């Protein structure tokens, strides 16, 4: 009987292992919310290496919030290690419990009562252990959630630790008085001019310090309590973007000289513009960087980066030499494109891709939605495409007599271009390309029938 039960138990273990796989697949979290691990990796690509933390700071504790990226990574690693250990134990206990229940079922069909009682006691102990491990897993999940919240607060505080520079444009928001809201330029003297207050010095300060300076100025003469928010103003002008890149480089130099980013004395490369990490990037030992490898190893670039016009700046005998590098062509493996070697103190500038402005085309006559239509002219746009964006034709629209009114440069008159959309739809004639400020007219059929 014992041999038979042993064989039966082995068979049940194999069956329950298959059941466990199905259970594990069902218990996998379906949420697409970003995990702390992914957040750390993404932020590490942007922020780069942070100062090392002590062993005591890396131990997971709900009371102590990590104060550096490495501390978060150490705490996360410990939690993941503990989670894996508990999950392995839980899987073994579940497997043993399934097997013990199957044996108990067999014993109840004709086994000894003493053996049945012993097997019931074993099943009960396994159930208690399974419940304890599940509670332990739940506690670890709660610690993961807490770690994620602490990490988001850490990122929010770190992202605002930038220096305000002369020439920078700042957007000011005052919750209590909207008349102060607007965009202010930091003057050469390092101050902004607020209405009814005058000069407030903000240059050389961090964002938080500048907010505090504006808050004190407002509360001194204008408001009992002021809630102030300062953010960099959005810039669409390429010239303004270039000036901002220069200011960003100066911020990076200030941080480097203060020893806030990178080790003093270590060779660095300066990253400026649409990169995930800006400022000085310490060159790893035994690594000979090029433009492409530097951008990859330092954390990559942003989505709106113009990879075709990356520039490498180098100071030689007091003169700045600029070289263009087509990183996009390098990544695509196109022949004849060179990747330049980067020396210490070189500057890699990654500009933002130019943003296309919306331009207007006017549609009038027998269409469903006559009026102005805003379009991006990044590709060829034809008359039929614009008509479809206007909702299509109305009843009795004369499709064969559509025409465009187009301005003639330098003349105070418009050119008429006839378009037979009926023939275009049959493939007999090509569609006509539309230009900004064109007026498309869809006339009505004279006899009330569609053209």
Protein backbone atom coordinates (compact mmCIF):
# COMPACT_ATOMS: atom_id res chain seq x y z
CA UNK A 1 0.00 0.00 0.00
CA UNK A 2 2.88 2.40 0.84
CA UNK A 3 4.57 1.73 -2.52
CA UNK A 4 1.27 2.28 -4.30
CA UNK A 5 0.73 5.58 -2.45
CA UNK A 6 4.28 6.71 -3.26
CA UNK A 7 3.73 6.08 -6.99
CA UNK A 8 0.36 7.82 -6.79
CA UNK A 9 1.95 10.82 -5.01
CA UNK A 10 4.65 11.11 -7.71
CA UNK A 11 1.99 11.05 -10.41
CA UNK A 12 -0.02 13.70 -8.59
CA UNK A 13 3.06 15.93 -8.30
CA UNK A 14 3.47 15.88 -12.07
CA UNK A 15 -0.19 16.73 -12.59
CA UNK A 16 -0.17 19.55 -10.05
CA UNK A 17 2.95 21.05 -11.64
CA UNK A 18 0.92 21.59 -14.82
CA UNK A 19 -1.89 23.13 -12.76
CA UNK A 20 0.59 25.45 -11.06
CA UNK A 21 1.80 26.81 -14.37
CA UNK A 22 -1.76 27.75 -15.29
CA UNK A 23 -2.29 29.36 -11.88
CA UNK A 24 0.92 31.39 -12.19
CA UNK A 25 -0.05 32.63 -15.64
CA UNK A 26 -3.45 33.75 -14.34
CA UNK A 27 -1.90 35.53 -11.34
CA UNK A 28 0.50 37.61 -13.45
CA UNK A 29 -0.38 41.33 -13.11
CA UNK A 30 -2.25 42.59 -16.16
CA UNK A 31 -1.75 46.27 -15.37
CA UNK A 32 0.36 48.18 -17.87
CA UNK A 33 1.38 50.70 -15.21
CA UNK A 34 5.11 51.32 -15.21
CA UNK A 35 6.93 49.27 -12.59
CA UNK A 36 9.54 50.80 -10.23
CA UNK A 37 12.22 48.74 -12.00
CA UNK A 38 11.37 50.22 -15.41
CA UNK A 39 11.09 53.70 -13.92
CA UNK A 40 14.57 53.36 -12.38
CA UNK A 41 16.07 52.17 -15.68
CA UNK A 42 14.39 54.98 -17.61
CA UNK A 43 15.45 57.59 -15.09
CA UNK A 44 18.98 56.19 -14.90
CA UNK A 45 19.28 56.72 -18.66
CA UNK A 46 18.31 60.37 -18.18
CA UNK A 47 20.10 61.14 -14.94
CA UNK A 48 23.24 59.03 -15.23
CA UNK A 49 25.27 57.64 -12.31
CA UNK A 50 24.65 59.09 -8.86
CA UNK A 51 26.96 59.08 -5.82
CA UNK A 52 27.44 55.69 -4.13
CA UNK A 53 25.38 54.93 -1.05
CA UNK A 54 26.40 53.18 2.10
CA UNK A 55 25.35 49.62 2.82
CA UNK A 56 23.05 50.72 5.63
CA UNK A 57 21.22 53.16 3.38
CA UNK A 58 20.41 50.41 0.89
CA UNK A 59 18.44 48.25 3.31
CA UNK A 60 14.69 48.43 2.65
CA UNK A 61 12.85 50.40 5.30
CA UNK A 62 9.42 51.96 5.12
CA UNK A 63 10.56 54.80 7.41
CA UNK A 64 13.68 55.85 5.46
CA UNK A 65 13.26 57.33 2.01
CA UNK A 66 16.27 56.78 -0.33
CA UNK A 67 18.10 59.99 -1.16
CA UNK A 68 19.89 58.93 -4.36
CA UNK A 69 19.32 56.85 -7.47
CA UNK A 70 21.68 54.11 -6.27
CA UNK A 71 19.78 53.92 -2.97
CA UNK A 72 16.54 53.33 -4.87
CA UNK A 73 18.21 50.67 -7.01
CA UNK A 74 19.62 48.91 -3.94
CA UNK A 75 16.26 48.95 -2.18
CA UNK A 76 14.52 47.66 -5.29
CA UNK A 77 17.08 44.86 -5.70
CA UNK A 78 16.52 43.69 -2.13
CA UNK A 79 12.76 43.71 -2.57
CA UNK A 80 12.99 41.73 -5.82
CA UNK A 81 15.34 39.21 -4.20
CA UNK A 82 12.97 38.75 -1.28
CA UNK A 83 9.98 38.47 -3.63
CA UNK A 84 11.65 35.71 -5.69
CA UNK A 85 12.56 33.80 -2.53
CA UNK A 86 9.00 33.93 -1.20
CA UNK A 87 7.49 33.02 -4.59
CA UNK A 88 9.74 29.93 -4.84
CA UNK A 89 8.69 28.81 -1.36
CA UNK A 90 5.04 29.45 -2.14
CA UNK A 91 5.21 27.43 -5.36
CA UNK A 92 6.72 24.45 -3.52
CA UNK A 93 4.12 24.66 -0.75
CA UNK A 94 1.23 24.81 -3.27
CA UNK A 95 2.65 21.82 -5.11
CA UNK A 96 3.02 19.86 -1.87
CA UNK A 97 -0.50 20.84 -0.80
CA UNK A 98 -2.05 19.68 -4.11
CA UNK A 99 -0.17 16.41 -3.82
CA UNK A 100 -1.18 15.92 -0.17
CA UNK A 101 -4.85 16.58 -0.98
CA UNK A 102 -4.77 13.99 -3.75
CA UNK A 103 -3.23 11.44 -1.39
CA UNK A 104 -5.89 12.28 1.20
CA UNK A 105 -8.58 11.65 -1.38
CA UNK A 106 -7.09 8.22 -2.12
CA UNK A 107 -6.87 7.35 1.58
CA UNK A 108 -10.49 8.27 2.19
CA UNK A 109 -11.53 5.64 -0.33
CA UNK A 110 -10.23 2.80 1.85
CA UNK A 111 -7.25 3.80 3.93
CA UNK A 112 -6.47 3.58 7.63
CA UNK A 113 -8.10 6.24 9.86
CA UNK A 114 -4.80 7.05 11.55
CA UNK A 115 -3.13 7.67 8.18
CA UNK A 116 -6.13 9.80 7.16
CA UNK A 117 -5.77 11.94 10.32
CA UNK A 118 -2.04 12.36 9.74
CA UNK A 119 -2.61 13.37 6.12
CA UNK A 120 -5.35 15.85 7.13
CA UNK A 121 -2.96 17.43 9.64
CA UNK A 122 -0.31 17.74 6.93
CA UNK A 123 -2.76 19.40 4.54
CA UNK A 124 -3.80 21.85 7.28
CA UNK A 125 -0.18 22.84 8.01
CA UNK A 126 0.52 23.32 4.31
CA UNK A 127 -2.57 25.55 3.98
CA UNK A 128 -1.42 27.66 6.95
CA UNK A 129 2.05 28.03 5.45
CA UNK A 130 0.58 28.91 2.06
CA UNK A 131 -1.59 31.62 3.66
CA UNK A 132 1.41 33.04 5.55
CA UNK A 133 3.53 33.26 2.37
CA UNK A 134 0.69 34.92 0.45
CA UNK A 135 0.44 37.59 3.17
CA UNK A 136 4.19 38.06 2.97
CA UNK A 137 3.95 38.54 -0.80
CA UNK A 138 1.19 41.11 -0.32
CA UNK A 139 3.42 43.05 2.08
CA UNK A 140 6.22 43.06 -0.50
CA UNK A 141 3.81 44.35 -3.18
CA UNK A 142 2.79 47.20 -0.87
CA UNK A 143 6.46 48.03 -0.36
CA UNK A 144 6.88 48.15 -4.16
CA UNK A 145 3.99 50.63 -4.42
CA UNK A 146 5.48 52.77 -1.64
CA UNK A 147 8.90 52.69 -3.32
CA UNK A 148 7.34 53.82 -6.60
CA UNK A 149 5.63 56.80 -4.91
CA UNK A 150 8.87 57.78 -3.18
CA UNK A 151 10.75 57.48 -6.48
CA UNK A 152 8.23 59.71 -8.31
CA UNK A 153 8.65 62.37 -5.61
CA UNK A 154 12.44 62.01 -5.92
CA UNK A 155 12.27 62.58 -9.71
CA UNK A 156 9.96 65.58 -9.30
CA UNK A 157 12.36 67.24 -6.84
CA UNK A 158 15.47 66.41 -8.90
CA UNK A 159 13.98 67.66 -12.19
CA UNK A 160 13.49 71.15 -10.73
CA UNK A 161 17.10 71.57 -9.58
CA UNK A 162 18.21 73.77 -12.52
CA UNK A 163 19.92 77.15 -12.48
CA UNK A 164 18.19 80.21 -13.93
CA UNK A 165 20.44 81.96 -16.46
CA UNK A 166 20.40 85.51 -17.94
CA UNK A 167 18.51 85.61 -21.24
CA UNK A 168 16.27 82.70 -20.25
CA UNK A 169 12.50 83.08 -20.66
CA UNK A 170 10.41 81.99 -17.69
CA UNK A 171 6.69 81.43 -17.47
CA UNK A 172 5.32 82.74 -14.16
CA UNK A 173 2.05 81.48 -12.67
CA UNK A 174 0.63 83.09 -9.51
CA UNK A 175 -2.45 81.26 -8.28
CA UNK A 176 -3.85 84.17 -6.25
CA UNK A 177 -3.52 86.95 -8.88
CA UNK A 178 -3.60 86.13 -12.61
CA UNK A 179 -2.44 89.62 -13.59
CA UNK A 180 1.13 88.55 -12.76
CA UNK A 181 0.91 85.48 -15.01
CA UNK A 182 2.97 85.65 -18.18
CA UNK A 183 6.37 85.11 -19.79
CA UNK A 184 9.32 87.08 -18.40
CA UNK A 185 12.85 87.41 -19.79
CA UNK A 186 15.77 87.30 -17.36
CA UNK A 187 17.71 90.51 -18.09
CA UNK A 188 21.49 90.86 -18.26
CA UNK A 189 21.51 92.05 -14.67
CA UNK A 190 20.01 88.71 -13.63
CA UNK A 191 16.54 90.02 -12.78
CA UNK A 192 13.00 89.96 -14.13
CA UNK A 193 10.66 92.96 -13.99
CA UNK A 194 7.28 92.30 -12.41
CA UNK A 195 4.38 94.76 -12.79
CA UNK A 196 3.79 96.97 -9.70
CA UNK A 197 6.90 95.47 -8.05
CA UNK A 198 9.93 96.06 -10.25
CA UNK A 199 13.15 94.06 -10.32
CA UNK A 200 13.42 90.62 -8.74
CA UNK A 201 16.83 88.90 -8.98
CA UNK A 202 16.52 85.25 -10.09
CA UNK A 203 19.69 84.47 -12.12
CA UNK A 204 22.13 82.01 -10.55
CA UNK A 205 19.37 80.52 -8.41
CA UNK A 206 17.69 77.16 -8.75
CA UNK A 207 14.04 77.07 -9.85
CA UNK A 208 12.92 76.65 -6.24
CA UNK A 209 15.13 79.51 -5.03
CA UNK A 210 13.82 81.76 -7.83
CA UNK A 211 10.23 80.89 -6.92
CA UNK A 212 10.96 81.78 -3.30
CA UNK A 213 12.45 85.16 -4.36
CA UNK A 214 9.33 86.00 -6.42
CA UNK A 215 7.07 84.80 -3.59
CA UNK A 216 8.81 87.10 -1.06
CA UNK A 217 8.57 90.06 -3.45
CA UNK A 218 4.84 89.51 -4.00
CA UNK A 219 4.06 89.00 -0.32
CA UNK A 220 6.07 92.11 0.65
CA UNK A 221 3.78 94.61 -1.11
CA UNK A 222 1.03 92.94 -3.17
CA UNK A 223 -0.37 89.71 -1.72
CA UNK A 224 -0.91 88.36 1.77
CA UNK A 225 0.01 84.87 0.51
CA UNK A 226 1.42 83.95 -2.90
CA UNK A 227 1.58 80.52 -4.54
CA UNK A 228 4.29 80.81 -7.22
CA UNK A 229 5.32 78.46 -10.03
CA UNK A 230 8.21 79.18 -12.45
CA UNK A 231 8.77 77.03 -15.52
CA UNK A 232 10.92 77.43 -18.67
CA UNK A 233 8.84 79.03 -21.43
CA UNK A 234 8.21 77.00 -24.57
CA UNK A 235 10.34 78.18 -27.51
CA UNK A 236 9.44 77.64 -31.16
CA UNK A 237 11.94 80.13 -32.61
CA UNK A 238 15.17 78.33 -33.75
CA UNK A 239 17.27 81.31 -32.62
CA UNK A 240 15.78 81.14 -29.14
CA UNK A 241 16.39 77.38 -29.05
CA UNK A 242 20.06 77.96 -29.92
CA UNK A 243 20.43 80.52 -27.12
CA UNK A 244 18.78 78.11 -24.68
CA UNK A 245 21.27 75.40 -25.68
CA UNK A 246 24.11 77.79 -24.84
CA UNK A 247 22.52 78.56 -21.45
CA UNK A 248 22.07 74.82 -20.83
CA UNK A 249 25.78 74.33 -21.48
CA UNK A 250 26.60 77.07 -18.97
CA UNK A 251 24.37 75.37 -16.37
CA UNK A 252 26.23 72.13 -16.94
CA UNK A 253 29.59 73.89 -16.49
CA UNK A 254 28.40 75.46 -13.22
CA UNK A 255 27.29 72.07 -11.88
CA UNK A 256 30.57 70.50 -12.93
CA UNK A 257 32.73 73.22 -11.36
CA UNK A 258 30.71 73.00 -8.14
CA UNK A 259 31.27 69.24 -8.12
CA UNK A 260 27.52 68.53 -8.29
CA UNK A 261 27.72 66.28 -11.33
CA UNK A 262 30.70 64.08 -12.05
CA UNK A 263 34.02 63.88 -10.21
CA UNK A 264 36.34 66.86 -10.45
CA UNK A 265 39.43 65.88 -12.40
CA UNK A 266 37.68 63.13 -14.37
CA UNK A 267 37.47 63.62 -18.13
CA UNK A 268 33.97 64.56 -19.26
CA UNK A 269 31.97 65.20 -22.42
CA UNK A 270 29.23 67.83 -22.36
CA UNK A 271 25.79 66.85 -23.68
CA UNK A 272 23.43 69.65 -24.69
CA UNK A 273 19.98 69.73 -26.26
CA UNK A 274 17.48 66.94 -26.89
CA UNK A 275 19.35 64.22 -24.98
CA UNK A 276 17.92 62.18 -22.12
CA UNK A 277 20.85 63.30 -20.01
CA UNK A 278 22.28 66.81 -20.28
CA UNK A 279 25.40 68.26 -18.73
CA UNK A 280 28.83 66.70 -18.16
CA UNK A 281 29.04 62.96 -18.79
CA UNK A 282 32.11 61.25 -17.22
CA UNK A 283 34.03 59.20 -19.77
CA UNK A 284 34.31 55.57 -18.56
CA UNK A 285 37.78 54.12 -18.20
CA UNK A 286 39.25 52.29 -21.22
CA UNK A 287 36.50 53.74 -23.44
CA UNK A 288 37.27 55.74 -26.58
CA UNK A 289 34.03 57.60 -27.30
CA UNK A 290 32.58 58.62 -30.64
CA UNK A 291 29.50 60.75 -31.18
CA UNK A 292 27.23 57.73 -31.72
CA UNK A 293 28.60 55.58 -28.87
CA UNK A 294 28.50 58.54 -26.47
CA UNK A 295 24.83 59.23 -27.18
CA UNK A 296 23.99 55.53 -26.73
CA UNK A 297 25.94 54.97 -23.51
CA UNK A 298 24.88 58.24 -21.89
CA UNK A 299 21.18 57.37 -22.07
CA UNK A 300 20.01 58.09 -25.61
CA UNK A 301 18.08 61.00 -27.08
CA UNK A 302 14.54 62.34 -26.88
CA UNK A 303 11.80 61.59 -29.40
CA UNK A 304 11.96 65.04 -30.99
CA UNK A 305 15.75 64.94 -31.51
CA UNK A 306 17.06 65.96 -34.94
CA UNK A 307 19.60 63.17 -35.44
CA UNK A 308 20.54 64.33 -38.94
CA UNK A 309 22.08 67.57 -37.64
CA UNK A 310 24.00 66.61 -34.50
CA UNK A 311 27.02 68.87 -34.00
CA UNK A 312 30.36 68.22 -32.31
CA UNK A 313 31.99 71.36 -30.86
CA UNK A 314 35.69 71.46 -29.97
CA UNK A 315 37.84 74.31 -28.60
CA UNK A 316 41.23 74.55 -30.31
CA UNK A 317 43.54 77.42 -29.35
CA UNK A 318 40.64 79.63 -28.31
CA UNK A 319 38.61 78.92 -31.45
CA UNK A 320 35.49 76.76 -31.58
CA UNK A 321 35.38 74.18 -34.37
CA UNK A 322 31.98 72.74 -35.29
CA UNK A 323 31.43 69.48 -37.21
CA UNK A 324 28.07 68.07 -38.32
CA UNK A 325 27.42 64.35 -37.74
CA UNK A 326 24.48 62.54 -39.35
CA UNK A 327 23.72 60.12 -36.50
CA UNK A 328 20.54 58.91 -38.23
CA UNK A 329 22.53 57.76 -41.27
CA UNK A 330 25.08 56.06 -38.98
CA UNK A 331 22.33 54.11 -37.23
CA UNK A 332 20.82 53.10 -40.55
CA UNK A 333 24.22 51.83 -41.72
CA UNK A 334 24.45 54.06 -44.78
CA UNK A 335 27.86 53.95 -46.51
CA UNK A 336 30.21 56.93 -46.57
CA UNK A 337 29.04 58.43 -43.27
CA UNK A 338 31.77 58.99 -40.65
CA UNK A 339 31.39 58.79 -36.89
CA UNK A 340 33.73 61.34 -35.28
CA UNK A 341 35.87 60.56 -32.25
CA UNK A 342 35.08 62.68 -29.17
CA UNK A 343 37.81 64.17 -26.96
CA UNK A 344 37.51 65.25 -23.31
CA UNK A 345 35.68 68.60 -22.88
CA UNK A 346 34.09 68.32 -26.33
CA UNK A 347 30.44 69.36 -26.60
CA UNK A 348 27.79 67.27 -28.39
CA UNK A 349 24.75 69.35 -29.36
CA UNK A 350 21.57 67.49 -30.36
CA UNK A 351 19.01 70.03 -31.68
CA UNK A 352 15.27 69.51 -31.65
CA UNK A 353 13.63 68.66 -34.96
CA UNK A 354 11.89 71.73 -36.46
CA UNK A 355 8.19 71.77 -35.65
CA UNK A 356 5.88 72.33 -38.60
CA UNK A 357 3.39 75.13 -38.03
CA UNK A 358 -0.24 74.67 -38.98
CA UNK A 359 -1.23 76.64 -42.08
CA UNK A 360 -4.69 77.47 -43.33
CA UNK A 361 -6.65 76.47 -46.43
CA UNK A 362 -10.17 77.84 -46.99
CA UNK A 363 -13.06 75.80 -48.39
CA UNK A 364 -16.35 77.37 -49.46
CA UNK A 365 -19.46 76.38 -51.40
CA UNK A 366 -21.28 73.05 -51.45
CA UNK A 367 -19.30 71.11 -48.85
CA UNK A 368 -20.54 69.74 -45.53
CA UNK A 369 -18.24 71.89 -43.36
CA UNK A 370 -17.21 75.09 -45.17
CA UNK A 371 -14.61 77.32 -43.55
CA UNK A 372 -10.88 77.41 -42.72
CA UNK A 373 -8.97 74.13 -42.33
CA UNK A 374 -5.58 74.01 -40.61
CA UNK A 375 -3.07 71.56 -42.10
CA UNK A 376 0.56 70.54 -41.71
CA UNK A 377 2.24 70.78 -45.09
CA UNK A 378 4.84 68.10 -44.36
CA UNK A 379 3.70 66.14 -47.42
CA UNK A 380 1.74 66.69 -50.62
CA UNK A 381 -1.89 67.69 -50.00
CA UNK A 382 -4.41 67.66 -52.84
CA UNK A 383 -7.82 69.25 -53.41
CA UNK A 384 -9.70 65.98 -52.92
CA UNK A 385 -7.96 65.47 -49.56
CA UNK A 386 -9.05 68.92 -48.36
CA UNK A 387 -12.65 68.30 -49.54
CA UNK A 388 -12.74 65.08 -47.50
CA UNK A 389 -11.46 66.98 -44.44
CA UNK A 390 -14.32 69.45 -44.99
CA UNK A 391 -16.81 66.58 -44.65
CA UNK A 392 -17.23 65.81 -48.34
CA UNK A 393 -19.63 67.23 -50.95
CA UNK A 394 -23.16 68.42 -50.32
CA UNK A 395 -26.03 67.40 -52.54
CA UNK A 396 -26.05 69.14 -55.92
CA UNK A 397 -22.33 70.02 -55.70
CA UNK A 398 -20.84 70.56 -59.16
CA UNK A 399 -17.74 68.34 -58.86
CA UNK A 400 -16.53 69.01 -62.38
CA UNK A 401 -16.41 72.82 -61.87
CA UNK A 402 -14.35 73.07 -58.65
CA UNK A 403 -11.65 75.73 -58.73
CA UNK A 404 -8.85 77.18 -56.59
CA UNK A 405 -8.20 80.88 -55.96
CA UNK A 406 -4.47 81.30 -55.30
CA UNK A 407 -2.56 84.48 -54.46
CA UNK A 408 0.08 85.59 -56.97
CA UNK A 409 3.23 86.76 -55.13
CA UNK A 410 3.90 90.47 -55.62
CA UNK A 411 0.54 91.14 -57.27
CA UNK A 412 -2.74 92.27 -55.79
CA UNK A 413 -4.81 89.61 -57.52
CA UNK A 414 -5.52 85.89 -57.45
CA UNK A 415 -5.06 83.13 -59.98
CA UNK A 416 -7.94 80.78 -60.80
CA UNK A 417 -7.09 77.07 -61.20
CA UNK A 418 -9.89 74.81 -62.46
CA UNK A 419 -10.11 71.28 -61.02
CA UNK A 420 -12.37 68.60 -62.47
CA UNK A 421 -12.76 66.34 -59.43
CA UNK A 422 -15.24 64.15 -61.30
CA UNK A 423 -12.50 63.26 -63.79
CA UNK A 424 -9.97 62.94 -60.95
CA UNK A 425 -12.16 60.39 -59.16
CA UNK A 426 -12.37 58.35 -62.41
CA UNK A 427 -8.59 58.46 -62.77
CA UNK A 428 -8.73 60.46 -65.98
CA UNK A 429 -6.91 63.52 -64.59
CA UNK A 430 -4.37 64.05 -61.79
CA UNK A 431 -5.42 65.76 -58.60
CA UNK A 432 -4.10 69.29 -58.01
CA UNK A 433 -1.75 70.08 -55.12
CA UNK A 434 -2.96 72.64 -52.56
CA UNK A 435 -0.79 75.41 -51.09
CA UNK A 436 -1.21 77.46 -47.89
CA UNK A 437 -3.89 80.23 -48.04
CA UNK A 438 -5.57 78.67 -51.09
CA UNK A 439 -9.34 79.14 -51.38
CA UNK A 440 -11.17 76.09 -52.75
CA UNK A 441 -14.60 76.83 -54.21
CA UNK A 442 -17.18 74.09 -54.82
CA UNK A 443 -20.04 75.62 -56.86
CA UNK A 444 -23.62 74.38 -57.06
CA UNK A 445 -24.89 72.65 -60.17
CA UNK A 446 -26.94 75.16 -62.20
CA UNK A 447 -29.87 72.79 -62.80
CA UNK A 448 -29.82 71.35 -59.28
CA UNK A 449 -28.20 68.06 -60.33
CA UNK A 450 -24.74 66.83 -59.23
CA UNK A 451 -21.98 67.68 -61.66
